[in-house]
PDB file of N, CA and C in Angstrom:
ATOM      1  N   UNK A   1       0.721  -1.172  -0.071  1.00  0.00           N
ATOM      2  CA  UNK A   1      -0.245  -0.002  -0.108  1.00  0.00           C
ATOM      3  C   UNK A   1       1.175   1.424   0.068  1.00  0.00           C
ATOM      4  N   UNK A   2       2.149   1.282   0.840  1.00  0.00           N
ATOM      5  CA  UNK A   2       2.694   2.395   0.943  1.00  0.00           C
ATOM      6  C   UNK A   2       3.744   2.541  -0.460  1.00  0.00           C
ATOM      7  N   UNK A   3       4.101   1.119  -0.815  1.00  0.00           N
ATOM      8  CA  UNK A   3       4.732   1.723  -2.515  1.00  0.00           C
ATOM      9  C   UNK A   3       3.908   2.222  -3.430  1.00  0.00           C
ATOM     10  N   UNK A   4       2.585   1.921  -3.583  1.00  0.00           N
ATOM     11  CA  UNK A   4       1.874   2.509  -4.225  1.00  0.00           C
ATOM     12  C   UNK A   4       1.334   3.672  -4.218  1.00  0.00           C
ATOM     13  N   UNK A   5       1.088   3.941  -2.957  1.00  0.00           N
ATOM     14  CA  UNK A   5       0.710   5.326  -2.760  1.00  0.00           C
ATOM     15  C   UNK A   5       2.011   6.196  -3.131  1.00  0.00           C
ATOM     16  N   UNK A   6       3.757   5.875  -2.521  1.00  0.00           N
ATOM     17  CA  UNK A   6       4.682   6.442  -3.026  1.00  0.00           C
ATOM     18  C   UNK A   6       4.771   6.823  -4.165  1.00  0.00           C
ATOM     19  N   UNK A   7       4.816   5.886  -5.611  1.00  0.00           N
ATOM     20  CA  UNK A   7       5.077   5.793  -6.594  1.00  0.00           C
ATOM     21  C   UNK A   7       3.741   6.340  -7.272  1.00  0.00           C
ATOM     22  N   UNK A   8       2.721   7.236  -6.542  1.00  0.00           N
ATOM     23  CA  UNK A   8       1.512   7.043  -7.455  1.00  0.00           C
ATOM     24  C   UNK A   8       1.949   9.394  -7.294  1.00  0.00           C
ATOM     25  N   UNK A   9       2.425   9.173  -5.851  1.00  0.00           N
ATOM     26  CA  UNK A   9       2.904  10.906  -5.347  1.00  0.00           C
ATOM     27  C   UNK A   9       4.374  10.839  -6.432  1.00  0.00           C
ATOM     28  N   UNK A  10       5.048  10.473  -6.145  1.00  0.00           N
ATOM     29  CA  UNK A  10       6.489  10.507  -7.087  1.00  0.00           C
ATOM     30  C   UNK A  10       6.976  10.202  -7.811  1.00  0.00           C
ATOM     31  N   UNK A  11       6.212   9.415  -8.701  1.00  0.00           N
ATOM     32  CA  UNK A  11       6.737   9.475  -9.967  1.00  0.00           C
ATOM     33  C   UNK A  11       5.519   8.945 -10.952  1.00  0.00           C
ATOM     34  N   UNK A  12       4.447  10.037 -10.233  1.00  0.00           N
ATOM     35  CA  UNK A  12       3.150   9.806 -11.101  1.00  0.00           C
ATOM     36  C   UNK A  12       2.642  11.067 -11.278  1.00  0.00           C
ATOM     37  N   UNK A  13       1.324  11.443 -11.088  1.00  0.00           N
ATOM     38  CA  UNK A  13       1.342  12.662 -11.671  1.00  0.00           C
ATOM     39  C   UNK A  13       1.355  13.653 -11.310  1.00  0.00           C
ATOM     40  N   UNK A  14       1.984  13.476  -9.468  1.00  0.00           N
ATOM     41  CA  UNK A  14       1.822  14.965  -8.720  1.00  0.00           C
ATOM     42  C   UNK A  14       3.070  15.561  -9.405  1.00  0.00           C
ATOM     43  N   UNK A  15       4.059  15.077  -8.816  1.00  0.00           N
ATOM     44  CA  UNK A  15       5.799  14.990  -9.273  1.00  0.00           C
ATOM     45  C   UNK A  15       6.269  14.870 -10.936  1.00  0.00           C
ATOM     46  N   UNK A  16       5.787  13.715 -11.740  1.00  0.00           N
ATOM     47  CA  UNK A  16       5.856  13.959 -12.576  1.00  0.00           C
ATOM     48  C   UNK A  16       5.885  14.896 -13.843  1.00  0.00           C
ATOM     49  N   UNK A  17       4.616  15.567 -13.334  1.00  0.00           N
ATOM     50  CA  UNK A  17       4.127  16.897 -14.447  1.00  0.00           C
ATOM     51  C   UNK A  17       4.920  18.168 -14.112  1.00  0.00           C
ATOM     52  N   UNK A  18       5.941  17.949 -12.931  1.00  0.00           N
ATOM     53  CA  UNK A  18       6.812  19.056 -13.415  1.00  0.00           C
ATOM     54  C   UNK A  18       7.969  19.250 -13.870  1.00  0.00           C
ATOM     55  N   UNK A  19       8.804  18.212 -14.177  1.00  0.00           N
ATOM     56  CA  UNK A  19       9.951  17.279 -15.076  1.00  0.00           C
ATOM     57  C   UNK A  19       9.637  17.242 -16.823  1.00  0.00           C
ATOM     58  N   UNK A  20      10.222  18.137 -17.460  1.00  0.00           N
ATOM     59  CA  UNK A  20       9.982  17.674 -18.398  1.00  0.00           C
ATOM     60  C   UNK A  20      11.800  17.506 -19.976  1.00  0.00           C
ATOM     61  N   UNK A  21      11.411  17.349 -20.539  1.00  0.00           N
ATOM     62  CA  UNK A  21      12.645  16.396 -21.211  1.00  0.00           C
ATOM     63  C   UNK A  21      13.649  15.863 -20.411  1.00  0.00           C
ATOM     64  N   UNK A  22      15.245  16.219 -20.406  1.00  0.00           N
ATOM     65  CA  UNK A  22      16.417  16.134 -19.641  1.00  0.00           C
ATOM     66  C   UNK A  22      15.944  15.668 -18.254  1.00  0.00           C
ATOM     67  N   UNK A  23      15.242  17.137 -17.789  1.00  0.00           N
ATOM     68  CA  UNK A  23      14.931  16.819 -16.183  1.00  0.00           C
ATOM     69  C   UNK A  23      14.454  15.703 -16.100  1.00  0.00           C
ATOM     70  N   UNK A  24      12.815  14.843 -16.659  1.00  0.00           N
ATOM     71  CA  UNK A  24      12.202  13.812 -16.768  1.00  0.00           C
ATOM     72  C   UNK A  24      12.965  12.573 -16.625  1.00  0.00           C
ATOM     73  N   UNK A  25      14.362  12.176 -17.793  1.00  0.00           N
ATOM     74  CA  UNK A  25      14.560  11.559 -17.776  1.00  0.00           C
ATOM     75  C   UNK A  25      15.501  11.400 -16.072  1.00  0.00           C
ATOM     76  N   UNK A  26      15.907  12.148 -15.395  1.00  0.00           N
ATOM     77  CA  UNK A  26      17.218  12.835 -14.295  1.00  0.00           C
ATOM     78  C   UNK A  26      15.837  12.258 -13.278  1.00  0.00           C
ATOM     79  N   UNK A  27      14.376  12.588 -13.206  1.00  0.00           N
ATOM     80  CA  UNK A  27      13.873  12.396 -12.271  1.00  0.00           C
ATOM     81  C   UNK A  27      13.790  10.447 -12.562  1.00  0.00           C
ATOM     82  N   UNK A  28      13.772  10.130 -13.243  1.00  0.00           N
ATOM     83  CA  UNK A  28      13.248   8.898 -13.786  1.00  0.00           C
ATOM     84  C   UNK A  28      13.786   7.603 -13.332  1.00  0.00           C
ATOM     85  N   UNK A  29      15.636   8.260 -13.741  1.00  0.00           N
ATOM     86  CA  UNK A  29      16.364   7.622 -12.828  1.00  0.00           C
ATOM     87  C   UNK A  29      16.777   7.561 -11.502  1.00  0.00           C
ATOM     88  N   UNK A  30      16.788   8.705 -10.817  1.00  0.00           N
ATOM     89  CA  UNK A  30      16.815   8.872  -9.510  1.00  0.00           C
ATOM     90  C   UNK A  30      15.951   8.045  -8.832  1.00  0.00           C
ATOM     91  N   UNK A  31      14.547   8.320  -9.240  1.00  0.00           N
ATOM     92  CA  UNK A  31      13.395   7.213  -8.828  1.00  0.00           C
ATOM     93  C   UNK A  31      14.145   5.759  -8.251  1.00  0.00           C
ATOM     94  N   UNK A  32      14.286   5.231  -9.925  1.00  0.00           N
ATOM     95  CA  UNK A  32      15.217   3.977 -10.593  1.00  0.00           C
ATOM     96  C   UNK A  32      15.854   3.651  -9.457  1.00  0.00           C
ATOM     97  N   UNK A  33      16.776   4.493  -9.599  1.00  0.00           N
ATOM     98  CA  UNK A  33      17.919   4.466  -7.769  1.00  0.00           C
ATOM     99  C   UNK A  33      17.188   3.985  -6.690  1.00  0.00           C
ATOM    100  N   UNK A  34      16.758   4.734  -6.117  1.00  0.00           N
ATOM    101  CA  UNK A  34      16.175   4.650  -5.036  1.00  0.00           C
ATOM    102  C   UNK A  34      15.130   3.874  -4.590  1.00  0.00           C
ATOM    103  N   UNK A  35      14.290   3.210  -5.441  1.00  0.00           N
ATOM    104  CA  UNK A  35      13.532   2.087  -5.110  1.00  0.00           C
ATOM    105  C   UNK A  35      14.383   0.961  -5.201  1.00  0.00           C
ATOM    106  N   UNK A  36      15.826   1.239  -5.902  1.00  0.00           N
ATOM    107  CA  UNK A  36      16.337   0.214  -6.189  1.00  0.00           C
ATOM    108  C   UNK A  36      17.515   0.084  -4.998  1.00  0.00           C
ATOM    109  N   UNK A  37      18.026   0.676  -4.039  1.00  0.00           N
ATOM    110  CA  UNK A  37      18.299   0.716  -2.956  1.00  0.00           C
ATOM    111  C   UNK A  37      17.135  -0.149  -1.613  1.00  0.00           C
ATOM    112  N   UNK A  38      15.886   0.370  -1.409  1.00  0.00           N
ATOM    113  CA  UNK A  38      15.244   0.223  -1.110  1.00  0.00           C
ATOM    114  C   UNK A  38      15.413  -1.085  -1.249  1.00  0.00           C
ATOM    115  N   UNK A  39      14.941  -2.034  -2.266  1.00  0.00           N
ATOM    116  CA  UNK A  39      14.592  -2.976  -2.597  1.00  0.00           C
ATOM    117  C   UNK A  39      16.156  -3.934  -1.735  1.00  0.00           C
ATOM    118  N   UNK A  40      17.249  -3.558  -2.198  1.00  0.00           N
ATOM    119  CA  UNK A  40      18.416  -4.327  -1.663  1.00  0.00           C
ATOM    120  C   UNK A  40      18.246  -4.359   0.130  1.00  0.00           C
ATOM    121  N   UNK A  41      18.116  -2.884   0.243  1.00  0.00           N
ATOM    122  CA  UNK A  41      17.942  -3.319   1.948  1.00  0.00           C
ATOM    123  C   UNK A  41      16.982  -4.180   2.969  1.00  0.00           C
ATOM    124  N   UNK A  42      16.140  -3.890   1.825  1.00  0.00           N
ATOM    125  CA  UNK A  42      14.918  -4.526   2.716  1.00  0.00           C
ATOM    126  C   UNK A  42      15.423  -6.531   2.374  1.00  0.00           C
ATOM    127  N   UNK A  43      15.933  -6.361   1.402  1.00  0.00           N
ATOM    128  CA  UNK A  43      16.076  -7.832   0.755  1.00  0.00           C
ATOM    129  C   UNK A  43      17.303  -8.530   2.083  1.00  0.00           C
ATOM    130  N   UNK A  44      18.605  -7.204   2.160  1.00  0.00           N
ATOM    131  CA  UNK A  44      19.251  -7.947   2.975  1.00  0.00           C
ATOM    132  C   UNK A  44      18.887  -7.955   4.397  1.00  0.00           C
ATOM    133  N   UNK A  45      17.899  -6.977   4.867  1.00  0.00           N
ATOM    134  CA  UNK A  45      17.423  -7.475   6.249  1.00  0.00           C
ATOM    135  C   UNK A  45      16.505  -8.784   6.274  1.00  0.00           C
ATOM    136  N   UNK A  46      15.416  -9.349   5.087  1.00  0.00           N
ATOM    137  CA  UNK A  46      15.261 -10.465   4.953  1.00  0.00           C
ATOM    138  C   UNK A  46      15.702 -11.146   5.372  1.00  0.00           C
ATOM    139  N   UNK A  47      17.108 -11.515   4.401  1.00  0.00           N
ATOM    140  CA  UNK A  47      17.772 -12.264   4.373  1.00  0.00           C
ATOM    141  C   UNK A  47      18.889 -12.826   6.011  1.00  0.00           C
ATOM    142  N   UNK A  48      18.971 -11.525   6.445  1.00  0.00           N
ATOM    143  CA  UNK A  48      19.791 -11.663   8.006  1.00  0.00           C
ATOM    144  C   UNK A  48      18.448 -12.548   8.785  1.00  0.00           C
ATOM    145  N   UNK A  49      17.334 -11.882   8.635  1.00  0.00           N
ATOM    146  CA  UNK A  49      16.211 -12.409   9.647  1.00  0.00           C
ATOM    147  C   UNK A  49      16.128 -14.092   9.372  1.00  0.00           C
ATOM    148  N   UNK A  50      15.754 -14.310   8.205  1.00  0.00           N
ATOM    149  CA  UNK A  50      15.839 -15.784   8.063  1.00  0.00           C
ATOM    150  C   UNK A  50      16.758 -16.132   8.531  1.00  0.00           C
ATOM    151  N   UNK A  51      18.516 -16.254   8.585  1.00  0.00           N
ATOM    152  CA  UNK A  51      19.159 -16.637   8.575  1.00  0.00           C
ATOM    153  C   UNK A  51      19.535 -17.143  10.257  1.00  0.00           C
ATOM    154  N   UNK A  52      19.436 -16.232  10.924  1.00  0.00           N
ATOM    155  CA  UNK A  52      18.678 -15.547  12.539  1.00  0.00           C
ATOM    156  C   UNK A  52      18.054 -16.654  12.573  1.00  0.00           C
ATOM    157  N   UNK A  53      16.973 -17.077  12.290  1.00  0.00           N
ATOM    158  CA  UNK A  53      15.989 -18.280  12.391  1.00  0.00           C
ATOM    159  C   UNK A  53      16.195 -19.139  12.293  1.00  0.00           C
ATOM    160  N   UNK A  54      16.624 -20.001  10.763  1.00  0.00           N
ATOM    161  CA  UNK A  54      17.905 -20.604  10.844  1.00  0.00           C
ATOM    162  C   UNK A  54      18.738 -21.363  12.255  1.00  0.00           C
ATOM    163  N   UNK A  55      19.264 -20.497  12.066  1.00  0.00           N
ATOM    164  CA  UNK A  55      21.097 -20.616  13.143  1.00  0.00           C
ATOM    165  C   UNK A  55      19.773 -20.927  14.732  1.00  0.00           C
ATOM    166  N   UNK A  56      19.278 -20.146  14.785  1.00  0.00           N
ATOM    167  CA  UNK A  56      18.028 -20.297  16.144  1.00  0.00           C
ATOM    168  C   UNK A  56      17.613 -21.995  16.162  1.00  0.00           C
ATOM    169  N   UNK A  57      17.079 -22.803  15.183  1.00  0.00           N
ATOM    170  CA  UNK A  57      16.154 -24.338  14.584  1.00  0.00           C
ATOM    171  C   UNK A  57      17.593 -24.806  14.949  1.00  0.00           C
ATOM    172  N   UNK A  58      18.914 -24.199  14.429  1.00  0.00           N
ATOM    173  CA  UNK A  58      19.986 -25.602  14.555  1.00  0.00           C
ATOM    174  C   UNK A  58      20.530 -26.034  15.981  1.00  0.00           C
ATOM    175  N   UNK A  59      20.267 -24.453  16.769  1.00  0.00           N
ATOM    176  CA  UNK A  59      20.161 -25.216  18.525  1.00  0.00           C
ATOM    177  C   UNK A  59      19.524 -25.175  18.848  1.00  0.00           C
ATOM    178  N   UNK A  60      18.235 -25.017  18.616  1.00  0.00           N
ATOM    179  CA  UNK A  60      16.964 -26.123  19.762  1.00  0.00           C
ATOM    180  C   UNK A  60      17.211 -27.561  19.250  1.00  0.00           C
ATOM    181  N   UNK A  61      17.515 -27.723  18.038  1.00  0.00           N
ATOM    182  CA  UNK A  61      17.658 -29.391  17.470  1.00  0.00           C
ATOM    183  C   UNK A  61      18.754 -30.370  18.687  1.00  0.00           C
ATOM    184  N   UNK A  62      19.586 -29.285  18.712  1.00  0.00           N
ATOM    185  CA  UNK A  62      20.818 -29.857  20.048  1.00  0.00           C
ATOM    186  C   UNK A  62      20.370 -30.410  21.216  1.00  0.00           C
TER     187      UNK A  62
END
């Protein structure tokens, strides 16, 4: 829900109409970079949590 609202506000009808030509391309690239950074951070955190849960299960078996 939050990602959908952010996309509508940041890259959609609100801010998207403020940029034209080369500026619109730069805005799109910056948004893409931002989304990629957020995806990498979330993936790293989820991997950490999965590793922690897996190691906890290993210790419980012993």
